[in-house]
Amino acid sequence: MSVIRSHGSSLFILLCSLSLGAQEAFPSSARLYVGFTVGSQHTEVARTGQAGLTPLDRGTLGLLTGATFGPTWGAELGFHFLGRYPAGSSTDAYGTIDWEREVHGLSFTGTARVQLGRRVALYGQAGLMFWSAEPRSHQNGWASVTDGRDRGRSGGTPLLATGLDFSLGQSWDLRLEASVADRILEARMTRCAAGFIYRF
């Protein structure tokens, strides 16, 4: 979806601008950061010819930017690659084509941190994720898709997360997190991930 692609471009520009002007653009009480996480997520999807939903696990990547305002409160923006999920197949005079949905998400959350020790902080997040699922096929040829797979799907869902930040020095943190999105495609999506945060 062009909207998600434009969000990705906007996020890249934002990350670059933050790295160039972080100290001047925000008050001294605010501390900006960028980072990434990689992990695994669990959800369920509908498969053609099967009753109910089928459990699936996929790898995921998140690109993050945010700010903390004092020791407790903050806000975070994330762009998430949420994996590819089967969307069935279609058949016409040229043959059968298998389809997948490629899912991306853009999250907006408020954050709260509680220092557990000199180098460890517990944090929580609450907000929204806006997701988009684009149909994709790796096969050649034409296909007549009549059940909606030729159209992208999108939506918004509540997002909750919690985790630990381990300080690795003045600027770097190791982040461990778990999150849950209430409904993406047909079901709830849970995720466990780890990554690094750089604080300006």
C-alpha atoms as a PDB file:
ATOM      1  CA  MET A   1       0.000   0.000   0.000  1.00  0.00           C
ATOM      2  CA  SER A   2       1.335   3.399  -0.984  1.00  0.00           C
ATOM      3  CA  VAL A   3       0.394   4.854   2.418  1.00  0.00           C
ATOM      4  CA  ILE A   4       2.624   2.363   4.242  1.00  0.00           C
ATOM      5  CA  ARG A   5       5.468   2.933   1.759  1.00  0.00           C
ATOM      6  CA  SER A   6       5.209   6.680   2.359  1.00  0.00           C
ATOM      7  CA  HIS A   7       5.286   6.038   6.124  1.00  0.00           C
ATOM      8  CA  GLY A   8       8.471   4.016   5.630  1.00  0.00           C
ATOM      9  CA  SER A   9      10.091   6.875   3.718  1.00  0.00           C
ATOM     10  CA  SER A  10       8.956   9.361   6.341  1.00  0.00           C
ATOM     11  CA  LEU A  11      10.419   7.207   9.105  1.00  0.00           C
ATOM     12  CA  PHE A  12      13.788   7.008   7.326  1.00  0.00           C
ATOM     13  CA  ILE A  13      13.884  10.797   6.925  1.00  0.00           C
ATOM     14  CA  LEU A  14      12.900  11.214  10.568  1.00  0.00           C
ATOM     15  CA  LEU A  15      15.680   8.912  11.785  1.00  0.00           C
ATOM     16  CA  CYS A  16      18.270  10.826   9.748  1.00  0.00           C
ATOM     17  CA  SER A  17      17.044  14.205  10.960  1.00  0.00           C
ATOM     18  CA  LEU A  18      17.057  13.067  14.584  1.00  0.00           C
ATOM     19  CA  SER A  19      20.647  11.913  14.344  1.00  0.00           C
ATOM     20  CA  LEU A  20      21.713  15.304  12.930  1.00  0.00           C
ATOM     21  CA  GLY A  21      19.835  17.650  15.220  1.00  0.00           C
ATOM     22  CA  ALA A  22      18.684  15.824  18.306  1.00  0.00           C
ATOM     23  CA  GLN A  23      20.233  18.143  20.878  1.00  0.00           C
ATOM     24  CA  GLU A  24      18.944  21.382  19.335  1.00  0.00           C
ATOM     25  CA  ALA A  25      15.459  20.272  18.282  1.00  0.00           C
ATOM     26  CA  PHE A  26      14.108  19.265  21.703  1.00  0.00           C
ATOM     27  CA  PRO A  27      14.276  20.679  25.230  1.00  0.00           C
ATOM     28  CA  SER A  28      17.140  19.537  27.419  1.00  0.00           C
ATOM     29  CA  SER A  29      14.691  17.525  29.564  1.00  0.00           C
ATOM     30  CA  ALA A  30      13.845  15.314  26.555  1.00  0.00           C
ATOM     31  CA  ARG A  31      16.192  12.584  25.368  1.00  0.00           C
ATOM     32  CA  LEU A  32      15.746  11.162  21.876  1.00  0.00           C
ATOM     33  CA  TYR A  33      16.561   7.633  20.783  1.00  0.00           C
ATOM     34  CA  VAL A  34      16.527   5.356  17.737  1.00  0.00           C
ATOM     35  CA  GLY A  35      16.828   1.599  17.580  1.00  0.00           C
ATOM     36  CA  PHE A  36      15.689  -1.723  16.203  1.00  0.00           C
ATOM     37  CA  THR A  37      14.380  -5.064  17.427  1.00  0.00           C
ATOM     38  CA  VAL A  38      14.202  -8.516  15.848  1.00  0.00           C
ATOM     39  CA  GLY A  39      12.117 -11.377  17.119  1.00  0.00           C
ATOM     40  CA  SER A  40       9.408 -13.944  16.592  1.00  0.00           C
ATOM     41  CA  GLN A  41       5.651 -13.545  16.646  1.00  0.00           C
ATOM     42  CA  HIS A  42       2.718 -15.885  16.926  1.00  0.00           C
ATOM     43  CA  THR A  43      -0.704 -15.511  15.317  1.00  0.00           C
ATOM     44  CA  GLU A  44      -3.409 -17.509  13.540  1.00  0.00           C
ATOM     45  CA  VAL A  45      -4.578 -17.328   9.927  1.00  0.00           C
ATOM     46  CA  ALA A  46      -7.355 -18.810   7.839  1.00  0.00           C
ATOM     47  CA  ARG A  47      -6.162 -21.405   5.291  1.00  0.00           C
ATOM     48  CA  THR A  48      -8.076 -22.481   2.206  1.00  0.00           C
ATOM     49  CA  GLY A  49      -9.721 -25.873   2.713  1.00  0.00           C
ATOM     50  CA  GLN A  50      -9.214 -25.909   6.492  1.00  0.00           C
ATOM     51  CA  ALA A  51     -11.832 -25.195   9.120  1.00  0.00           C
ATOM     52  CA  GLY A  52     -10.983 -22.607  11.757  1.00  0.00           C
ATOM     53  CA  LEU A  53      -7.661 -20.826  12.134  1.00  0.00           C
ATOM     54  CA  THR A  54      -4.165 -22.305  11.828  1.00  0.00           C
ATOM     55  CA  PRO A  55      -1.370 -21.221  14.256  1.00  0.00           C
ATOM     56  CA  LEU A  56       1.651 -19.632  12.559  1.00  0.00           C
ATOM     57  CA  ASP A  57       4.988 -18.182  13.752  1.00  0.00           C
ATOM     58  CA  ARG A  58       6.969 -15.646  11.745  1.00  0.00           C
ATOM     59  CA  GLY A  59      10.106 -13.546  12.160  1.00  0.00           C
ATOM     60  CA  THR A  60       9.700  -9.804  12.632  1.00  0.00           C
ATOM     61  CA  LEU A  61      11.763  -6.606  12.473  1.00  0.00           C
ATOM     62  CA  GLY A  62      10.975  -3.268  14.109  1.00  0.00           C
ATOM     63  CA  LEU A  63      12.565   0.157  13.507  1.00  0.00           C
ATOM     64  CA  LEU A  64      12.031   2.533  16.410  1.00  0.00           C
ATOM     65  CA  THR A  65      12.369   6.186  17.289  1.00  0.00           C
ATOM     66  CA  GLY A  66      11.142   7.997  20.363  1.00  0.00           C
ATOM     67  CA  ALA A  67      11.802  10.369  23.214  1.00  0.00           C
ATOM     68  CA  THR A  68      11.778  10.244  27.011  1.00  0.00           C
ATOM     69  CA  PHE A  69      10.597  13.301  28.936  1.00  0.00           C
ATOM     70  CA  GLY A  70      12.269  13.076  32.303  1.00  0.00           C
ATOM     71  CA  PRO A  71      12.848   9.778  34.113  1.00  0.00           C
ATOM     72  CA  THR A  72       9.364   8.255  33.597  1.00  0.00           C
ATOM     73  CA  TRP A  73       7.279   9.310  30.593  1.00  0.00           C
ATOM     74  CA  GLY A  74       7.897   9.115  26.874  1.00  0.00           C
ATOM     75  CA  ALA A  75       6.501   8.420  23.402  1.00  0.00           C
ATOM     76  CA  GLU A  76       7.583   6.034  20.646  1.00  0.00           C
ATOM     77  CA  LEU A  77       6.999   5.555  16.908  1.00  0.00           C
ATOM     78  CA  GLY A  78       7.716   2.176  15.320  1.00  0.00           C
ATOM     79  CA  PHE A  79       7.685   0.761  11.788  1.00  0.00           C
ATOM     80  CA  HIS A  80       7.261  -3.028  11.796  1.00  0.00           C
ATOM     81  CA  PHE A  81       7.820  -5.751   9.202  1.00  0.00           C
ATOM     82  CA  LEU A  82       5.370  -8.393  10.417  1.00  0.00           C
ATOM     83  CA  GLY A  83       5.996 -11.240   7.949  1.00  0.00           C
ATOM     84  CA  ARG A  84       4.153 -13.006   5.148  1.00  0.00           C
ATOM     85  CA  TYR A  85       1.076 -15.139   5.668  1.00  0.00           C
ATOM     86  CA  PRO A  86      -0.720 -17.563   3.307  1.00  0.00           C
ATOM     87  CA  ALA A  87      -3.827 -16.203   1.600  1.00  0.00           C
ATOM     88  CA  GLY A  88      -4.893 -19.245  -0.442  1.00  0.00           C
ATOM     89  CA  SER A  89      -4.697 -19.782  -4.194  1.00  0.00           C
ATOM     90  CA  SER A  90      -6.564 -18.851  -7.345  1.00  0.00           C
ATOM     91  CA  THR A  91      -7.009 -20.839 -10.565  1.00  0.00           C
ATOM     92  CA  ASP A  92      -7.869 -19.728 -14.097  1.00  0.00           C
ATOM     93  CA  ALA A  93      -7.053 -20.767 -17.656  1.00  0.00           C
ATOM     94  CA  TYR A  94      -3.367 -20.042 -17.081  1.00  0.00           C
ATOM     95  CA  GLY A  95      -2.996 -22.237 -14.001  1.00  0.00           C
ATOM     96  CA  THR A  96      -2.990 -21.980 -10.207  1.00  0.00           C
ATOM     97  CA  ILE A  97      -1.287 -19.176  -8.315  1.00  0.00           C
ATOM     98  CA  ASP A  98      -0.517 -19.248  -4.574  1.00  0.00           C
ATOM     99  CA  TRP A  99      -0.973 -15.964  -2.722  1.00  0.00           C
ATOM    100  CA  GLU A 100       0.557 -14.492   0.423  1.00  0.00           C
ATOM    101  CA  ARG A 101      -0.177 -11.375   2.436  1.00  0.00           C
ATOM    102  CA  GLU A 102       2.838  -9.202   3.309  1.00  0.00           C
ATOM    103  CA  VAL A 103       2.003  -7.359   6.542  1.00  0.00           C
ATOM    104  CA  HIS A 104       3.509  -4.069   7.788  1.00  0.00           C
ATOM    105  CA  GLY A 105       2.564  -1.956  10.779  1.00  0.00           C
ATOM    106  CA  LEU A 106       3.065   1.587  12.071  1.00  0.00           C
ATOM    107  CA  SER A 107       2.777   1.980  15.856  1.00  0.00           C
ATOM    108  CA  PHE A 108       2.234   5.034  18.050  1.00  0.00           C
ATOM    109  CA  THR A 109       2.623   4.437  21.794  1.00  0.00           C
ATOM    110  CA  GLY A 110       3.053   6.253  25.060  1.00  0.00           C
ATOM    111  CA  THR A 111       5.727   4.832  27.369  1.00  0.00           C
ATOM    112  CA  ALA A 112       6.401   4.702  31.097  1.00  0.00           C
ATOM    113  CA  ARG A 113       9.685   3.620  32.724  1.00  0.00           C
ATOM    114  CA  VAL A 114      10.531   2.495  36.251  1.00  0.00           C
ATOM    115  CA  GLN A 115      14.203   2.216  37.204  1.00  0.00           C
ATOM    116  CA  LEU A 116      14.874  -1.171  38.855  1.00  0.00           C
ATOM    117  CA  GLY A 117      18.550  -0.588  39.469  1.00  0.00           C
ATOM    118  CA  ARG A 118      21.468   1.428  38.250  1.00  0.00           C
ATOM    119  CA  ARG A 119      21.504  -0.253  34.843  1.00  0.00           C
ATOM    120  CA  VAL A 120      18.050  -1.866  34.443  1.00  0.00           C
ATOM    121  CA  ALA A 121      14.680  -0.224  33.751  1.00  0.00           C
ATOM    122  CA  LEU A 122      11.240  -1.775  33.363  1.00  0.00           C
ATOM    123  CA  TYR A 123       9.048  -0.114  30.750  1.00  0.00           C
ATOM    124  CA  GLY A 124       5.488  -0.404  29.492  1.00  0.00           C
ATOM    125  CA  GLN A 125       3.807   0.873  26.334  1.00  0.00           C
ATOM    126  CA  ALA A 126       0.208   1.430  25.288  1.00  0.00           C
ATOM    127  CA  GLY A 127      -1.074   2.775  21.998  1.00  0.00           C
ATOM    128  CA  LEU A 128      -2.251   1.872  18.518  1.00  0.00           C
ATOM    129  CA  MET A 129      -0.840  -0.010  15.540  1.00  0.00           C
ATOM    130  CA  PHE A 130      -2.062   0.711  12.018  1.00  0.00           C
ATOM    131  CA  TRP A 131      -1.379  -2.279   9.757  1.00  0.00           C
ATOM    132  CA  SER A 132      -1.531  -3.047   6.060  1.00  0.00           C
ATOM    133  CA  ALA A 133      -1.569  -6.464   4.339  1.00  0.00           C
ATOM    134  CA  GLU A 134      -0.611  -6.443   0.660  1.00  0.00           C
ATOM    135  CA  PRO A 135      -1.287  -9.515  -1.567  1.00  0.00           C
ATOM    136  CA  ARG A 136       1.837 -11.001  -3.166  1.00  0.00           C
ATOM    137  CA  SER A 137       2.655 -13.894  -5.489  1.00  0.00           C
ATOM    138  CA  HIS A 138       6.081 -15.214  -6.557  1.00  0.00           C
ATOM    139  CA  GLN A 139       4.674 -17.037  -9.580  1.00  0.00           C
ATOM    140  CA  ASN A 140       4.462 -15.790 -13.157  1.00  0.00           C
ATOM    141  CA  GLY A 141       1.307 -15.562 -15.243  1.00  0.00           C
ATOM    142  CA  TRP A 142      -2.122 -13.966 -14.978  1.00  0.00           C
ATOM    143  CA  ALA A 143      -4.673 -14.693 -12.301  1.00  0.00           C
ATOM    144  CA  SER A 144      -8.323 -13.809 -11.804  1.00  0.00           C
ATOM    145  CA  VAL A 145      -8.727 -13.248  -8.084  1.00  0.00           C
ATOM    146  CA  THR A 146     -12.381 -13.009  -7.142  1.00  0.00           C
ATOM    147  CA  ASP A 147     -12.364 -13.400  -3.353  1.00  0.00           C
ATOM    148  CA  GLY A 148     -10.647 -10.134  -2.363  1.00  0.00           C
ATOM    149  CA  ARG A 149      -6.975 -11.155  -2.385  1.00  0.00           C
ATOM    150  CA  ASP A 150      -6.373  -8.706  -5.231  1.00  0.00           C
ATOM    151  CA  ARG A 151      -7.065  -5.871  -2.796  1.00  0.00           C
ATOM    152  CA  GLY A 152      -4.924  -4.804   0.142  1.00  0.00           C
ATOM    153  CA  ARG A 153      -6.378  -5.055   3.631  1.00  0.00           C
ATOM    154  CA  SER A 154      -5.672  -2.630   6.461  1.00  0.00           C
ATOM    155  CA  GLY A 155      -6.869  -1.651   9.906  1.00  0.00           C
ATOM    156  CA  GLY A 156      -5.992  -0.355  13.337  1.00  0.00           C
ATOM    157  CA  THR A 157      -5.646  -2.258  16.599  1.00  0.00           C
ATOM    158  CA  PRO A 158      -4.708  -1.563  20.246  1.00  0.00           C
ATOM    159  CA  LEU A 159      -1.087  -2.402  21.110  1.00  0.00           C
ATOM    160  CA  LEU A 160       0.378  -3.198  24.531  1.00  0.00           C
ATOM    161  CA  ALA A 161       4.041  -3.953  25.293  1.00  0.00           C
ATOM    162  CA  THR A 162       6.368  -4.422  28.234  1.00  0.00           C
ATOM    163  CA  GLY A 163      10.052  -5.128  28.570  1.00  0.00           C
ATOM    164  CA  LEU A 164      13.436  -4.363  30.078  1.00  0.00           C
ATOM    165  CA  ASP A 165      16.125  -1.905  29.021  1.00  0.00           C
ATOM    166  CA  PHE A 166      19.670  -2.835  30.097  1.00  0.00           C
ATOM    167  CA  SER A 167      22.112   0.073  29.987  1.00  0.00           C
ATOM    168  CA  LEU A 168      25.340  -0.773  28.130  1.00  0.00           C
ATOM    169  CA  GLY A 169      26.948   2.597  28.713  1.00  0.00           C
ATOM    170  CA  GLN A 170      26.131   6.263  28.307  1.00  0.00           C
ATOM    171  CA  SER A 171      24.207   5.898  25.018  1.00  0.00           C
ATOM    172  CA  TRP A 172      23.467   2.221  24.267  1.00  0.00           C
ATOM    173  CA  ASP A 173      20.713   0.038  25.747  1.00  0.00           C
ATOM    174  CA  LEU A 174      19.872  -3.616  25.181  1.00  0.00           C
ATOM    175  CA  ARG A 175      16.098  -4.003  24.912  1.00  0.00           C
ATOM    176  CA  LEU A 176      14.058  -7.161  25.625  1.00  0.00           C
ATOM    177  CA  GLU A 177      10.328  -6.875  25.011  1.00  0.00           C
ATOM    178  CA  ALA A 178       7.021  -8.678  24.646  1.00  0.00           C
ATOM    179  CA  SER A 179       3.987  -7.162  22.945  1.00  0.00           C
ATOM    180  CA  VAL A 180       0.461  -8.029  21.884  1.00  0.00           C
ATOM    181  CA  ALA A 181      -1.636  -6.488  19.091  1.00  0.00           C
ATOM    182  CA  ASP A 182      -5.319  -7.219  19.624  1.00  0.00           C
ATOM    183  CA  ARG A 183      -6.251  -8.085  16.025  1.00  0.00           C
ATOM    184  CA  ILE A 184      -4.220  -8.134  12.802  1.00  0.00           C
ATOM    185  CA  LEU A 185      -5.827  -9.977   9.866  1.00  0.00           C
ATOM    186  CA  GLU A 186      -7.976 -12.623  11.570  1.00  0.00           C
ATOM    187  CA  ALA A 187      -6.439 -12.956  15.035  1.00  0.00           C
ATOM    188  CA  ARG A 188      -4.379 -11.578  17.916  1.00  0.00           C
ATOM    189  CA  MET A 189      -0.635 -11.269  17.310  1.00  0.00           C
ATOM    190  CA  THR A 190       1.900 -11.754  20.126  1.00  0.00           C
ATOM    191  CA  ARG A 191       5.591 -10.961  19.759  1.00  0.00           C
ATOM    192  CA  CYS A 192       8.858 -11.467  21.658  1.00  0.00           C
ATOM    193  CA  ALA A 193      11.902  -9.521  20.495  1.00  0.00           C
ATOM    194  CA  ALA A 194      15.332  -8.172  21.384  1.00  0.00           C
ATOM    195  CA  GLY A 195      17.347  -5.272  20.014  1.00  0.00           C
ATOM    196  CA  PHE A 196      19.448  -2.212  20.677  1.00  0.00           C
ATOM    197  CA  ILE A 197      18.567   1.401  21.448  1.00  0.00           C
ATOM    198  CA  TYR A 198      20.879   4.398  20.915  1.00  0.00           C
ATOM    199  CA  ARG A 199      20.097   7.452  23.062  1.00  0.00           C
ATOM    200  CA  PHE A 200      21.335  10.868  21.945  1.00  0.00           C
END
